[in-house]
């Protein structure tokens, strides 16, 4: 499949409905991102079957209308890859072979020994 941008009109009356619509869309196979445009449009990008996604939303909301389905161009991906390469130069990575070393165990010396005379003068 090809990367698609799918715009669906879903009746969402409250923020609870918006979050539910986003959850349903995000769980679908092949979804890369989910956005809400305005008050009643859900925008999904990724390799998604638009009919299956509309059916899943219809189960919860009753009425769903697919407004548009467009192909995403691959030029954007190449630009993003170039941006990531420049960003990666600035990022410091932690070495993979790092192990947490615990401090050495504390050794307590026994100050009392039967072979040494006591240091207390009262005894």
C-alpha atoms as a PDB file:
ATOM      1  CA  UNK A   1       0.000   0.000   0.000  1.00  0.00           C
ATOM      2  CA  UNK A   2       0.943   3.610  -0.393  1.00  0.00           C
ATOM      3  CA  UNK A   3       1.095   6.283   2.284  1.00  0.00           C
ATOM      4  CA  UNK A   4      -2.299   7.998   2.354  1.00  0.00           C
ATOM      5  CA  UNK A   5      -3.842  11.012   4.003  1.00  0.00           C
ATOM      6  CA  UNK A   6      -7.460  10.231   4.847  1.00  0.00           C
ATOM      7  CA  UNK A   7      -9.883  12.930   6.009  1.00  0.00           C
ATOM      8  CA  UNK A   8     -13.112  11.714   7.638  1.00  0.00           C
ATOM      9  CA  UNK A   9     -16.028  13.700   8.966  1.00  0.00           C
ATOM     10  CA  UNK A  10     -17.216  12.316  12.295  1.00  0.00           C
ATOM     11  CA  UNK A  11     -19.871  13.929  14.549  1.00  0.00           C
ATOM     12  CA  UNK A  12     -17.918  14.748  17.733  1.00  0.00           C
ATOM     13  CA  UNK A  13     -19.825  16.797  20.289  1.00  0.00           C
ATOM     14  CA  UNK A  14     -17.375  16.830  23.180  1.00  0.00           C
ATOM     15  CA  UNK A  15     -13.721  16.337  24.014  1.00  0.00           C
ATOM     16  CA  UNK A  16     -14.568  12.827  25.210  1.00  0.00           C
ATOM     17  CA  UNK A  17     -15.810  11.963  21.701  1.00  0.00           C
ATOM     18  CA  UNK A  18     -12.659  13.481  20.168  1.00  0.00           C
ATOM     19  CA  UNK A  19     -10.358  11.369  22.320  1.00  0.00           C
ATOM     20  CA  UNK A  20     -12.422   8.256  21.587  1.00  0.00           C
ATOM     21  CA  UNK A  21     -12.196   8.919  17.837  1.00  0.00           C
ATOM     22  CA  UNK A  22      -8.434   9.423  18.094  1.00  0.00           C
ATOM     23  CA  UNK A  23      -8.047   6.170  20.043  1.00  0.00           C
ATOM     24  CA  UNK A  24     -10.062   4.189  17.512  1.00  0.00           C
ATOM     25  CA  UNK A  25      -8.086   5.662  14.606  1.00  0.00           C
ATOM     26  CA  UNK A  26      -4.715   5.193  16.324  1.00  0.00           C
ATOM     27  CA  UNK A  27      -5.352   1.491  16.985  1.00  0.00           C
ATOM     28  CA  UNK A  28      -5.969   0.713  13.287  1.00  0.00           C
ATOM     29  CA  UNK A  29      -3.219  -1.172  11.448  1.00  0.00           C
ATOM     30  CA  UNK A  30      -0.754   0.984   9.505  1.00  0.00           C
ATOM     31  CA  UNK A  31      -1.576   4.339  11.108  1.00  0.00           C
ATOM     32  CA  UNK A  32       1.374   6.740  11.402  1.00  0.00           C
ATOM     33  CA  UNK A  33      -0.404   9.789  12.787  1.00  0.00           C
ATOM     34  CA  UNK A  34      -3.871  10.975  13.797  1.00  0.00           C
ATOM     35  CA  UNK A  35      -4.991  14.601  13.930  1.00  0.00           C
ATOM     36  CA  UNK A  36      -8.277  16.426  14.491  1.00  0.00           C
ATOM     37  CA  UNK A  37      -9.097  19.340  12.180  1.00  0.00           C
ATOM     38  CA  UNK A  38     -11.696  21.771  13.378  1.00  0.00           C
ATOM     39  CA  UNK A  39     -14.514  20.267  15.390  1.00  0.00           C
ATOM     40  CA  UNK A  40     -15.577  17.298  13.281  1.00  0.00           C
ATOM     41  CA  UNK A  41     -12.773  16.073  11.008  1.00  0.00           C
ATOM     42  CA  UNK A  42     -10.290  13.293  11.742  1.00  0.00           C
ATOM     43  CA  UNK A  43      -7.115  13.229   9.608  1.00  0.00           C
ATOM     44  CA  UNK A  44      -5.241   9.909   9.475  1.00  0.00           C
ATOM     45  CA  UNK A  45      -1.941   9.335   7.671  1.00  0.00           C
ATOM     46  CA  UNK A  46      -0.348   5.986   6.955  1.00  0.00           C
ATOM     47  CA  UNK A  47      -0.930   2.765   5.070  1.00  0.00           C
ATOM     48  CA  UNK A  48      -4.547   2.357   6.170  1.00  0.00           C
ATOM     49  CA  UNK A  49      -7.634   0.789   4.631  1.00  0.00           C
ATOM     50  CA  UNK A  50     -10.032   3.738   4.690  1.00  0.00           C
ATOM     51  CA  UNK A  51     -13.178   1.582   4.534  1.00  0.00           C
ATOM     52  CA  UNK A  52     -12.163  -0.525   7.562  1.00  0.00           C
ATOM     53  CA  UNK A  53     -11.276   2.614   9.503  1.00  0.00           C
ATOM     54  CA  UNK A  54     -14.610   4.222   8.602  1.00  0.00           C
ATOM     55  CA  UNK A  55     -16.427   1.064   9.690  1.00  0.00           C
ATOM     56  CA  UNK A  56     -14.629   1.058  13.059  1.00  0.00           C
ATOM     57  CA  UNK A  57     -15.550   4.711  13.622  1.00  0.00           C
ATOM     58  CA  UNK A  58     -19.122   4.083  12.491  1.00  0.00           C
ATOM     59  CA  UNK A  59     -19.588   1.438  15.196  1.00  0.00           C
ATOM     60  CA  UNK A  60     -19.003   4.091  17.868  1.00  0.00           C
ATOM     61  CA  UNK A  61     -20.375   7.272  16.290  1.00  0.00           C
ATOM     62  CA  UNK A  62     -23.138   6.037  13.985  1.00  0.00           C
ATOM     63  CA  UNK A  63     -22.327   8.278  11.018  1.00  0.00           C
ATOM     64  CA  UNK A  64     -18.956   8.681   9.299  1.00  0.00           C
ATOM     65  CA  UNK A  65     -18.262  10.305   5.946  1.00  0.00           C
ATOM     66  CA  UNK A  66     -14.969   9.916   4.071  1.00  0.00           C
ATOM     67  CA  UNK A  67     -14.174  13.411   2.801  1.00  0.00           C
ATOM     68  CA  UNK A  68     -10.931  12.709   0.933  1.00  0.00           C
ATOM     69  CA  UNK A  69      -8.213  10.122   0.396  1.00  0.00           C
ATOM     70  CA  UNK A  70      -4.915  11.446  -0.991  1.00  0.00           C
ATOM     71  CA  UNK A  71      -1.528   9.861  -1.595  1.00  0.00           C
ATOM     72  CA  UNK A  72       1.352  11.265   0.398  1.00  0.00           C
ATOM     73  CA  UNK A  73       4.354  12.142  -1.743  1.00  0.00           C
ATOM     74  CA  UNK A  74       7.700  10.514  -1.033  1.00  0.00           C
ATOM     75  CA  UNK A  75       9.552  13.826  -1.373  1.00  0.00           C
ATOM     76  CA  UNK A  76       8.537  14.710   2.152  1.00  0.00           C
ATOM     77  CA  UNK A  77      10.133  11.518   3.427  1.00  0.00           C
ATOM     78  CA  UNK A  78      13.436  12.354   1.762  1.00  0.00           C
ATOM     79  CA  UNK A  79      13.373  15.845   3.262  1.00  0.00           C
ATOM     80  CA  UNK A  80      12.646  14.397   6.690  1.00  0.00           C
ATOM     81  CA  UNK A  81      15.541  11.957   6.342  1.00  0.00           C
ATOM     82  CA  UNK A  82      17.899  14.818   5.509  1.00  0.00           C
ATOM     83  CA  UNK A  83      16.645  16.778   8.513  1.00  0.00           C
ATOM     84  CA  UNK A  84      17.132  13.764  10.769  1.00  0.00           C
ATOM     85  CA  UNK A  85      20.702  13.341   9.533  1.00  0.00           C
ATOM     86  CA  UNK A  86      21.535  16.925  10.442  1.00  0.00           C
ATOM     87  CA  UNK A  87      19.811  16.566  13.808  1.00  0.00           C
ATOM     88  CA  UNK A  88      21.655  13.343  14.621  1.00  0.00           C
ATOM     89  CA  UNK A  89      24.993  15.141  14.440  1.00  0.00           C
ATOM     90  CA  UNK A  90      24.011  17.327  17.376  1.00  0.00           C
ATOM     91  CA  UNK A  91      22.745  14.452  19.518  1.00  0.00           C
ATOM     92  CA  UNK A  92      25.068  12.693  21.924  1.00  0.00           C
ATOM     93  CA  UNK A  93      24.457   8.998  22.279  1.00  0.00           C
ATOM     94  CA  UNK A  94      25.128   6.945  25.364  1.00  0.00           C
ATOM     95  CA  UNK A  95      27.470   4.024  24.599  1.00  0.00           C
ATOM     96  CA  UNK A  96      25.769   0.655  24.225  1.00  0.00           C
ATOM     97  CA  UNK A  97      28.324  -1.152  26.341  1.00  0.00           C
ATOM     98  CA  UNK A  98      27.680   0.947  29.446  1.00  0.00           C
ATOM     99  CA  UNK A  99      27.173  -1.080  32.580  1.00  0.00           C
ATOM    100  CA  UNK A 100      26.300   0.430  35.905  1.00  0.00           C
ATOM    101  CA  UNK A 101      29.160  -0.178  38.295  1.00  0.00           C
ATOM    102  CA  UNK A 102      28.254  -0.367  41.912  1.00  0.00           C
ATOM    103  CA  UNK A 103      30.605   1.171  44.467  1.00  0.00           C
ATOM    104  CA  UNK A 104      32.998  -1.251  46.149  1.00  0.00           C
ATOM    105  CA  UNK A 105      31.690  -2.847  49.331  1.00  0.00           C
ATOM    106  CA  UNK A 106      32.547  -1.068  52.535  1.00  0.00           C
ATOM    107  CA  UNK A 107      35.006  -2.906  54.743  1.00  0.00           C
ATOM    108  CA  UNK A 108      34.649  -2.436  58.452  1.00  0.00           C
ATOM    109  CA  UNK A 109      37.703  -3.002  60.592  1.00  0.00           C
ATOM    110  CA  UNK A 110      37.271  -4.634  63.935  1.00  0.00           C
ATOM    111  CA  UNK A 111      38.776  -2.173  66.387  1.00  0.00           C
ATOM    112  CA  UNK A 112      38.600  -4.554  69.313  1.00  0.00           C
ATOM    113  CA  UNK A 113      41.075  -7.365  69.386  1.00  0.00           C
ATOM    114  CA  UNK A 114      41.723  -9.654  72.354  1.00  0.00           C
ATOM    115  CA  UNK A 115      45.457  -9.432  71.709  1.00  0.00           C
ATOM    116  CA  UNK A 116      45.622  -5.658  72.156  1.00  0.00           C
ATOM    117  CA  UNK A 117      45.232  -3.989  75.497  1.00  0.00           C
ATOM    118  CA  UNK A 118      42.008  -2.000  75.933  1.00  0.00           C
ATOM    119  CA  UNK A 119      42.284   1.701  75.228  1.00  0.00           C
ATOM    120  CA  UNK A 120      39.853   2.642  77.972  1.00  0.00           C
ATOM    121  CA  UNK A 121      41.611   3.522  81.251  1.00  0.00           C
ATOM    122  CA  UNK A 122      38.595   2.803  83.450  1.00  0.00           C
ATOM    123  CA  UNK A 123      38.690  -0.939  82.816  1.00  0.00           C
END
